[in-house]
Amino acid sequence: MTGIYAEVAERFGTPVYVYDGDLLRRRYAALRDRLRADVDVFYSAKANPNLSVCALFGALGAGLEVSSLAELVTAERAGVDPADVIFLGPGKSAEELRACCERGIYAVVCESLDEVAALDAMPGADGLRVVLRVNPDFDTHGSRLAMGGKPRQFGIDEEILRDGPAALHRLRRVRVAGIHAYLGTRILDAATVRHNTRGVLTMAEELGKALDIPLEMVDVGGGWGVPYFDNETDLDGDAAVDGVNDEVAAFRERHPETRIVTELGRYLVGWCGTYVVRARYVKRSKGEWFVVADGGTNHHMAAVGIGSFVKRNFPIRSLSRPEAPAEHVYNVTGPLCTPGDVVGKQVRLPEVRPGDLLGVERSGAYGPSASPVLFLSHGHPAEVLLLDGTAHLIRGRDTVEDLLRPQRLVTFPVPATTATASSEGTSSHGEQ
């Protein structure tokens, strides 16, 4: 496999994200084969919103969960049926809500009662299905980043919904017909997946009765994780799926017609990506060795370890000497003018020489789209999809013209005082 990285680097240059489409298909197929057929998998486009990646998931039968107008248009261009698209996010614009109405997507996941009212006021919203994102009363402790069960901008507090159901019955156009909850992300414990699934299904059933709304859809969230760091172990996918299946089975007996959705992103694409950089310089400073590469945290902000007090490394390996013993220790940095541009700290690698390729693995999710790609005007890296032995360029790297084209130059007139002073200076000099 390492040979293909050299071919990609030679053909498309570096830095470059390389996505293994064959591995992506295998991971999705393994999940789909074990998961109950009556549980729909929606790919969370935010994890990797590349058009070709989304199209591949659509071709495999996944729905798409989107969170912006651009992602909604991506779903459309990727050929995903609007009946398999849901739109969520805590701060949707009026333009985004209108686009949901126009495209007739399956559901808009509303995150406040004001948003429900705003959508209901739109002329094109007649019959549009609304699913309420709920910030539940119950908590979860197995996620690396909690997104529910405590004060958050996401969703409507469960207690608020229970206290104010009358607002839902004054709606004129939209139909409130489901419940959504998302407790957290980067979950690596199968028992937490089961706990969350049970909690969301129970809450949905209770709220459906309390609010007198049909449960046409229940979204149990997802948040399944990928182990990045040395002290983390992979999620037991089989056990996680078994937990979902068991909890859904009990719910299904009472609600045979409800569409049950789980939304997954990182779990499906995280393993499938490698960020490939080329070493430009290898230098020593104060007793430590540094590899200065052509790409860094401007393309891979996740590698900084945001939210961690201690810098921890994604898996990094040599793509030029993969079989050589890792006898050297390097800090792997990018080209940015900031000491924070450290992709890997004290990484054990074979000897690195200028021109060598390094790969930051498990980088298929939250790569360039979640990074400051415009910092120092380096721009977006190239992205390549490997599929059936062929390397496809699925996003070209930004050129200087790409970066400057949206900008507008304002021409400033020379101030009159400056022009006069210059003229007087010239005249005086001439007289001397």
Protein backbone atom coordinates (compact mmCIF):
# COMPACT_ATOMS: atom_id res chain seq x y z
CA MET A 1 0.00 0.00 0.00
CA THR A 2 2.87 2.37 0.73
CA GLY A 3 3.86 2.37 -2.95
CA ILE A 4 0.58 3.98 -3.92
CA TYR A 5 1.36 6.97 -1.71
CA ALA A 6 4.57 7.62 -3.62
CA GLU A 7 2.62 7.41 -6.88
CA VAL A 8 -0.06 9.79 -5.60
CA ALA A 9 2.56 12.23 -4.31
CA GLU A 10 4.41 12.15 -7.63
CA ARG A 11 1.24 12.63 -9.63
CA PHE A 12 -0.69 15.11 -7.48
CA GLY A 13 1.96 16.60 -5.22
CA THR A 14 1.94 17.09 -1.47
CA PRO A 15 0.44 17.83 0.99
CA VAL A 16 -2.40 15.53 0.00
CA TYR A 17 -5.20 13.67 1.73
CA VAL A 18 -5.58 10.12 0.45
CA TYR A 19 -8.85 8.28 1.13
CA ASP A 20 -9.06 4.51 0.76
CA GLY A 21 -12.47 4.05 -0.87
CA ASP A 22 -12.22 0.26 -0.79
CA LEU A 23 -11.72 0.29 2.98
CA LEU A 24 -14.63 2.72 3.29
CA ARG A 25 -16.88 0.31 1.41
CA ARG A 26 -15.78 -2.61 3.58
CA ARG A 27 -16.44 -0.73 6.81
CA TYR A 28 -19.90 0.35 5.67
CA ALA A 29 -20.74 -3.15 4.42
CA ALA A 30 -19.63 -4.74 7.70
CA LEU A 31 -21.85 -2.35 9.65
CA ARG A 32 -24.79 -2.74 7.30
CA ASP A 33 -24.59 -6.55 7.29
CA ARG A 34 -24.78 -6.78 11.08
CA LEU A 35 -27.16 -3.92 11.84
CA ARG A 36 -30.90 -4.55 11.74
CA ALA A 37 -32.30 -3.89 8.29
CA ASP A 38 -34.93 -1.56 9.76
CA VAL A 39 -32.31 0.83 11.15
CA ASP A 40 -31.24 3.39 8.55
CA VAL A 41 -27.64 4.60 8.49
CA PHE A 42 -27.18 8.30 7.68
CA TYR A 43 -23.67 9.49 6.91
CA SER A 44 -22.79 12.71 8.76
CA ALA A 45 -21.38 14.85 5.96
CA LYS A 46 -19.57 17.14 8.41
CA ALA A 47 -17.05 14.35 9.05
CA ASN A 48 -15.82 14.58 5.46
CA PRO A 49 -18.00 16.67 3.15
CA ASN A 50 -16.12 15.94 -0.07
CA LEU A 51 -18.60 15.49 -2.91
CA SER A 52 -17.16 12.16 -4.08
CA VAL A 53 -17.03 10.75 -0.54
CA CYS A 54 -20.69 11.67 -0.03
CA ALA A 55 -21.58 10.21 -3.43
CA LEU A 56 -19.85 6.94 -2.51
CA PHE A 57 -21.90 6.66 0.67
CA GLY A 58 -25.06 7.46 -1.30
CA ALA A 59 -24.23 4.73 -3.79
CA LEU A 60 -23.80 2.29 -0.90
CA GLY A 61 -27.32 3.10 0.31
CA ALA A 62 -26.63 5.51 3.15
CA GLY A 63 -28.73 8.57 3.81
CA LEU A 64 -27.04 11.92 4.37
CA GLU A 65 -27.17 14.19 7.41
CA VAL A 66 -26.22 17.75 6.44
CA SER A 67 -25.68 20.95 8.40
CA SER A 68 -25.24 23.76 5.88
CA LEU A 69 -26.53 24.95 2.53
CA ALA A 70 -23.33 23.77 0.84
CA GLU A 71 -23.73 20.30 2.35
CA LEU A 72 -27.37 20.24 1.23
CA VAL A 73 -26.32 21.05 -2.34
CA THR A 74 -23.56 18.44 -2.01
CA ALA A 75 -26.20 15.83 -1.19
CA GLU A 76 -28.18 16.88 -4.24
CA ARG A 77 -25.17 16.74 -6.58
CA ALA A 78 -24.05 13.46 -5.07
CA GLY A 79 -27.34 11.95 -6.21
CA VAL A 80 -28.76 11.26 -2.75
CA ASP A 81 -32.56 11.02 -2.74
CA PRO A 82 -34.09 13.98 -0.80
CA ALA A 83 -36.16 11.37 1.05
CA ASP A 84 -32.86 10.24 2.60
CA VAL A 85 -31.60 13.67 3.66
CA ILE A 86 -32.03 15.38 7.02
CA PHE A 87 -30.80 18.86 7.94
CA LEU A 88 -29.70 19.78 11.45
CA GLY A 89 -27.71 22.47 13.24
CA PRO A 90 -28.40 24.99 16.00
CA GLY A 91 -28.31 28.17 13.91
CA LYS A 92 -29.89 27.59 10.50
CA SER A 93 -30.34 30.65 8.31
CA ALA A 94 -33.58 31.61 6.61
CA GLU A 95 -31.94 30.76 3.29
CA GLU A 96 -31.12 27.26 4.53
CA LEU A 97 -34.63 26.68 5.83
CA ARG A 98 -36.10 27.83 2.49
CA ALA A 99 -33.75 25.46 0.65
CA CYS A 100 -35.01 22.57 2.79
CA CYS A 101 -38.57 23.45 1.83
CA GLU A 102 -37.74 23.74 -1.86
CA ARG A 103 -35.90 20.42 -2.02
CA GLY A 104 -38.47 18.47 -0.06
CA ILE A 105 -35.99 16.67 2.18
CA TYR A 106 -37.14 14.01 4.61
CA ALA A 107 -36.92 16.14 7.73
CA VAL A 108 -35.60 19.35 9.23
CA VAL A 109 -34.23 18.72 12.70
CA CYS A 110 -35.22 21.83 14.65
CA GLU A 111 -33.16 22.82 17.67
CA SER A 112 -35.40 25.45 19.27
CA LEU A 113 -39.10 26.24 19.40
CA ASP A 114 -38.33 29.58 17.73
CA GLU A 115 -36.81 27.71 14.81
CA VAL A 116 -39.94 25.57 14.49
CA ALA A 117 -42.01 28.76 14.40
CA ALA A 118 -39.73 30.38 11.82
CA LEU A 119 -39.99 27.34 9.57
CA ASP A 120 -43.75 27.19 10.02
CA ALA A 121 -44.03 30.81 8.85
CA MET A 122 -42.45 30.02 5.47
CA PRO A 123 -44.93 29.68 2.58
CA GLY A 124 -43.17 26.64 1.14
CA ALA A 125 -43.16 24.66 4.38
CA ASP A 126 -46.59 23.03 3.97
CA GLY A 127 -46.41 19.41 5.06
CA LEU A 128 -42.68 19.54 5.81
CA ARG A 129 -41.68 17.05 8.48
CA VAL A 130 -40.04 18.52 11.58
CA VAL A 131 -38.07 16.41 14.01
CA LEU A 132 -37.30 17.95 17.40
CA ARG A 133 -33.72 17.72 18.60
CA VAL A 134 -33.96 17.23 22.33
CA ASN A 135 -31.33 17.97 24.95
CA PRO A 136 -32.32 15.12 27.26
CA ASP A 137 -32.41 15.02 31.02
CA PHE A 138 -30.24 11.90 31.14
CA ASP A 139 -26.45 12.06 30.72
CA THR A 140 -23.76 9.86 29.26
CA HIS A 141 -20.18 9.45 30.41
CA GLY A 142 -18.55 7.46 27.63
CA SER A 143 -18.04 10.21 25.05
CA ARG A 144 -14.90 12.30 24.60
CA LEU A 145 -17.06 15.37 23.90
CA ALA A 146 -20.49 15.64 25.52
CA MET A 147 -23.15 17.32 23.38
CA GLY A 148 -26.24 16.67 25.45
CA GLY A 149 -27.46 16.12 29.00
CA LYS A 150 -26.04 19.47 30.15
CA PRO A 151 -26.33 23.16 29.16
CA ARG A 152 -25.69 23.28 25.41
CA GLN A 153 -26.66 25.32 22.36
CA PHE A 154 -27.88 22.08 20.80
CA GLY A 155 -31.50 21.03 20.92
CA ILE A 156 -34.42 21.88 23.17
CA ASP A 157 -34.21 20.95 26.83
CA GLU A 158 -36.51 18.03 27.55
CA GLU A 159 -38.11 19.87 30.48
CA ILE A 160 -38.95 22.86 28.26
CA LEU A 161 -40.76 20.60 25.81
CA ARG A 162 -42.70 18.90 28.57
CA ASP A 163 -43.77 22.29 29.96
CA GLY A 164 -44.80 23.88 26.68
CA PRO A 165 -46.44 21.41 24.26
CA ALA A 166 -49.15 23.93 23.34
CA ALA A 167 -46.74 25.78 21.04
CA LEU A 168 -46.50 22.71 18.83
CA HIS A 169 -50.25 22.51 18.31
CA ARG A 170 -50.49 26.08 17.00
CA LEU A 171 -48.40 25.25 13.94
CA ARG A 172 -50.10 25.77 10.57
CA ARG A 173 -47.76 24.31 7.96
CA VAL A 174 -45.10 21.96 9.29
CA ARG A 175 -45.72 18.60 10.91
CA VAL A 176 -43.83 17.74 14.09
CA ALA A 177 -43.32 14.03 13.67
CA GLY A 178 -40.23 12.79 15.43
CA ILE A 179 -37.49 13.05 18.02
CA HIS A 180 -33.71 13.35 17.67
CA ALA A 181 -30.94 13.31 20.27
CA TYR A 182 -27.18 13.27 20.06
CA LEU A 183 -25.36 12.76 23.36
CA GLY A 184 -21.70 12.99 22.39
CA THR A 185 -18.92 12.09 20.03
CA ARG A 186 -15.81 9.90 19.90
CA ILE A 187 -17.50 7.10 21.86
CA LEU A 188 -15.23 4.06 22.21
CA ASP A 189 -17.34 2.04 24.64
CA ALA A 190 -20.03 -0.29 23.30
CA ALA A 191 -21.96 -0.16 26.59
CA THR A 192 -22.31 3.61 26.13
CA VAL A 193 -23.73 3.11 22.64
CA ARG A 194 -26.36 0.75 24.09
CA HIS A 195 -27.09 3.13 26.98
CA ASN A 196 -27.58 6.09 24.63
CA THR A 197 -29.78 4.12 22.24
CA ARG A 198 -32.02 2.92 25.05
CA GLY A 199 -32.22 6.38 26.58
CA VAL A 200 -33.16 8.12 23.33
CA LEU A 201 -35.79 5.54 22.38
CA THR A 202 -37.35 5.67 25.85
CA MET A 203 -37.36 9.46 25.86
CA ALA A 204 -38.85 9.58 22.35
CA GLU A 205 -41.67 7.26 23.36
CA GLU A 206 -42.46 9.29 26.47
CA LEU A 207 -42.27 12.65 24.70
CA GLY A 208 -44.38 11.40 21.82
CA LYS A 209 -47.18 10.68 24.27
CA ALA A 210 -46.68 13.83 26.33
CA LEU A 211 -46.63 16.11 23.29
CA ASP A 212 -49.24 14.12 21.35
CA ILE A 213 -47.04 13.85 18.25
CA PRO A 214 -46.55 10.86 15.97
CA LEU A 215 -43.19 9.12 15.97
CA GLU A 216 -42.63 8.86 12.25
CA MET A 217 -38.88 9.09 12.89
CA VAL A 218 -36.55 8.67 15.84
CA ASP A 219 -32.87 9.51 15.39
CA VAL A 220 -30.79 7.85 18.12
CA GLY A 221 -27.66 9.79 17.16
CA GLY A 222 -24.32 8.07 16.89
CA GLY A 223 -20.93 9.49 17.80
CA TRP A 224 -19.04 6.22 17.44
CA GLY A 225 -15.34 6.94 17.70
CA VAL A 226 -11.94 6.09 16.31
CA PRO A 227 -8.93 5.48 18.59
CA TYR A 228 -6.24 8.02 17.80
CA PHE A 229 -3.94 7.87 20.78
CA ASP A 230 -1.77 5.24 22.47
CA ASN A 231 -4.01 4.81 25.51
CA GLU A 232 -7.19 4.28 23.47
CA THR A 233 -8.68 1.01 22.24
CA ASP A 234 -10.98 0.58 19.27
CA LEU A 235 -14.72 0.49 19.73
CA ASP A 236 -16.03 -3.07 19.64
CA GLY A 237 -18.24 -2.53 16.60
CA ASP A 238 -19.97 -5.89 16.88
CA ALA A 239 -20.93 -5.27 20.50
CA ALA A 240 -22.09 -1.74 19.68
CA VAL A 241 -24.30 -3.02 16.86
CA ASP A 242 -25.68 -5.77 19.08
CA GLY A 243 -26.62 -3.15 21.66
CA VAL A 244 -28.45 -1.05 19.07
CA ASN A 245 -30.21 -4.11 17.66
CA ASP A 246 -31.41 -5.25 21.08
CA GLU A 247 -32.76 -1.86 22.09
CA VAL A 248 -34.45 -1.28 18.74
CA ALA A 249 -36.08 -4.71 18.86
CA ALA A 250 -37.90 -3.87 22.08
CA PHE A 251 -38.99 -0.47 20.75
CA ARG A 252 -40.04 -1.89 17.39
CA GLU A 253 -42.67 -4.14 18.97
CA ARG A 254 -44.56 -1.05 20.09
CA HIS A 255 -43.73 1.18 17.10
CA PRO A 256 -43.53 -0.97 13.98
CA GLU A 257 -43.83 1.96 11.54
CA THR A 258 -41.26 4.37 13.02
CA ARG A 259 -38.22 5.12 10.89
CA ILE A 260 -35.20 4.64 13.14
CA VAL A 261 -31.99 6.39 12.15
CA THR A 262 -28.44 6.30 13.41
CA GLU A 263 -26.01 8.91 12.12
CA LEU A 264 -22.33 8.03 11.81
CA GLY A 265 -19.40 9.94 10.36
CA ARG A 266 -16.01 9.56 11.99
CA TYR A 267 -16.54 5.83 12.58
CA LEU A 268 -17.06 5.23 8.86
CA VAL A 269 -14.37 7.48 7.35
CA GLY A 270 -11.81 8.10 10.10
CA TRP A 271 -9.79 4.95 9.43
CA CYS A 272 -9.90 5.50 5.68
CA GLY A 273 -7.75 8.63 5.34
CA THR A 274 -4.03 9.39 5.41
CA TYR A 275 -2.58 12.90 5.39
CA VAL A 276 0.59 12.67 3.31
CA VAL A 277 3.32 15.29 3.70
CA ARG A 278 6.86 15.57 2.38
CA ALA A 279 9.82 16.43 4.61
CA ARG A 280 11.50 19.63 3.48
CA TYR A 281 14.14 19.98 6.16
CA VAL A 282 15.49 17.89 9.04
CA LYS A 283 17.17 19.98 11.71
CA ARG A 284 18.37 19.90 15.28
CA SER A 285 17.48 22.49 17.92
CA LYS A 286 18.49 22.44 21.58
CA GLY A 287 19.03 18.71 21.52
CA GLU A 288 15.80 17.77 19.71
CA TRP A 289 15.31 16.79 16.08
CA PHE A 290 12.64 18.40 13.92
CA VAL A 291 11.15 17.33 10.61
CA VAL A 292 9.80 20.44 8.89
CA ALA A 293 7.22 19.21 6.37
CA ASP A 294 5.28 20.98 3.61
CA GLY A 295 1.96 20.63 5.44
CA GLY A 296 0.91 20.89 9.05
CA THR A 297 -1.90 21.89 11.33
CA ASN A 298 -3.29 24.28 8.71
CA HIS A 299 -4.60 21.11 7.04
CA HIS A 300 -4.91 18.84 10.07
CA MET A 301 -6.04 20.84 13.08
CA ALA A 302 -7.27 17.67 14.79
CA ALA A 303 -3.65 16.59 15.17
CA VAL A 304 -3.04 19.53 17.51
CA GLY A 305 -5.08 17.72 20.14
CA ILE A 306 -7.62 20.49 20.78
CA GLY A 307 -9.24 20.04 24.18
CA SER A 308 -6.31 18.09 25.60
CA PHE A 309 -3.94 19.45 28.20
CA VAL A 310 -1.21 17.11 26.99
CA LYS A 311 -0.22 16.90 23.33
CA ARG A 312 -0.94 13.40 22.02
CA ASN A 313 -0.10 12.15 18.57
CA PHE A 314 -2.15 10.64 15.81
CA PRO A 315 -0.41 7.55 14.39
CA ILE A 316 2.40 8.77 12.10
CA ARG A 317 4.61 6.53 9.99
CA SER A 318 7.25 6.73 7.34
CA LEU A 319 5.88 6.05 3.87
CA SER A 320 9.35 6.12 2.32
CA ARG A 321 10.92 3.54 4.68
CA PRO A 322 7.99 1.67 6.21
CA GLU A 323 10.02 -1.45 7.02
CA ALA A 324 13.00 0.30 8.62
CA PRO A 325 13.28 0.23 12.43
CA ALA A 326 11.92 3.30 14.21
CA GLU A 327 15.15 4.22 15.97
CA HIS A 328 14.91 8.00 15.83
CA VAL A 329 12.71 10.53 17.65
CA TYR A 330 11.40 13.61 15.83
CA ASN A 331 9.01 16.48 16.30
CA VAL A 332 7.03 16.61 13.06
CA THR A 333 6.03 20.17 12.18
CA GLY A 334 4.53 22.07 9.29
CA PRO A 335 5.65 25.25 7.49
CA LEU A 336 3.65 27.74 9.56
CA CYS A 337 5.09 30.68 11.50
CA THR A 338 3.76 29.52 14.85
CA PRO A 339 5.20 27.17 17.49
CA GLY A 340 1.79 25.49 17.64
CA ASP A 341 2.28 23.95 14.20
CA VAL A 342 3.30 20.55 15.59
CA VAL A 343 1.64 17.57 13.95
CA GLY A 344 3.50 15.02 16.07
CA LYS A 345 5.67 15.46 19.17
CA GLN A 346 8.49 13.05 20.01
CA VAL A 347 7.45 10.57 17.31
CA ARG A 348 9.53 7.42 16.85
CA LEU A 349 10.36 6.95 13.17
CA PRO A 350 13.03 5.52 10.93
CA GLU A 351 15.65 8.04 9.90
CA VAL A 352 13.92 10.85 8.02
CA ARG A 353 15.67 12.59 5.14
CA PRO A 354 14.56 15.64 3.15
CA GLY A 355 12.16 14.50 0.46
CA ASP A 356 10.77 11.56 2.47
CA LEU A 357 7.02 11.03 2.72
CA LEU A 358 5.28 10.78 6.08
CA GLY A 359 1.69 9.69 6.64
CA VAL A 360 -0.62 10.82 9.45
CA GLU A 361 -3.05 7.91 9.68
CA ARG A 362 -6.73 7.64 10.70
CA SER A 363 -7.21 11.07 9.14
CA GLY A 364 -10.31 10.50 7.04
CA ALA A 365 -12.57 12.59 9.29
CA TYR A 366 -12.39 16.26 10.24
CA GLY A 367 -9.30 16.96 8.17
CA PRO A 368 -9.03 20.03 5.93
CA SER A 369 -12.68 21.06 6.38
CA ALA A 370 -12.10 21.45 10.13
CA SER A 371 -8.72 23.18 9.79
CA PRO A 372 -7.53 26.77 9.21
CA VAL A 373 -6.55 26.13 5.59
CA LEU A 374 -6.24 29.85 4.84
CA PHE A 375 -3.68 30.50 7.57
CA LEU A 376 -0.57 32.06 5.97
CA SER A 377 -2.43 31.67 2.65
CA HIS A 378 -1.18 28.15 2.01
CA GLY A 379 -4.66 27.08 0.92
CA HIS A 380 -6.52 23.79 0.74
CA PRO A 381 -4.54 20.59 0.06
CA ALA A 382 -5.34 18.16 -2.70
CA GLU A 383 -7.65 15.22 -1.94
CA VAL A 384 -7.45 11.85 -3.68
CA LEU A 385 -9.82 8.87 -3.54
CA LEU A 386 -8.41 5.38 -4.17
CA LEU A 387 -11.07 3.12 -5.64
CA ASP A 388 -10.60 -0.27 -7.30
CA GLY A 389 -6.90 0.38 -7.80
CA THR A 390 -7.34 3.81 -9.38
CA ALA A 391 -6.40 7.15 -7.83
CA HIS A 392 -8.99 9.85 -8.48
CA LEU A 393 -8.32 13.52 -7.79
CA ILE A 394 -11.48 14.61 -5.97
CA ARG A 395 -10.30 18.09 -4.97
CA GLY A 396 -7.50 20.08 -6.49
CA ARG A 397 -5.15 22.00 -4.23
CA ASP A 398 -5.65 25.74 -4.02
CA THR A 399 -3.45 27.80 -6.30
CA VAL A 400 -2.34 31.36 -5.58
CA GLU A 401 -5.01 32.56 -8.02
CA ASP A 402 -7.67 30.49 -6.24
CA LEU A 403 -6.79 32.24 -3.00
CA LEU A 404 -6.68 35.75 -4.43
CA ARG A 405 -9.62 35.54 -6.85
CA PRO A 406 -12.36 36.27 -4.25
CA GLN A 407 -10.47 39.28 -2.91
CA ARG A 408 -11.01 42.79 -4.19
CA LEU A 409 -8.29 45.45 -4.37
CA VAL A 410 -9.28 48.91 -3.24
CA THR A 411 -7.21 51.63 -4.92
CA PHE A 412 -6.49 54.51 -2.60
CA PRO A 413 -6.05 58.05 -3.98
CA VAL A 414 -2.89 59.82 -2.90
CA PRO A 415 -3.87 62.38 -0.21
CA ALA A 416 -3.61 65.97 -1.42
CA THR A 417 -1.25 66.95 1.41
CA THR A 418 1.14 64.16 0.41
CA ALA A 419 1.02 65.17 -3.22
CA THR A 420 1.66 68.84 -2.32
CA ALA A 421 4.54 67.99 -0.02
CA SER A 422 6.10 65.83 -2.69
CA SER A 423 5.72 68.59 -5.27
CA GLU A 424 7.21 71.19 -2.95
CA GLY A 425 10.12 68.95 -2.12
CA THR A 426 10.91 68.46 -5.76
CA SER A 427 10.66 72.17 -6.48
CA SER A 428 12.90 73.10 -3.58
CA HIS A 429 15.49 70.55 -4.60
CA GLY A 430 15.43 71.91 -8.14
CA GLU A 431 16.04 75.44 -6.96
CA GLN A 432 19.03 74.37 -4.91
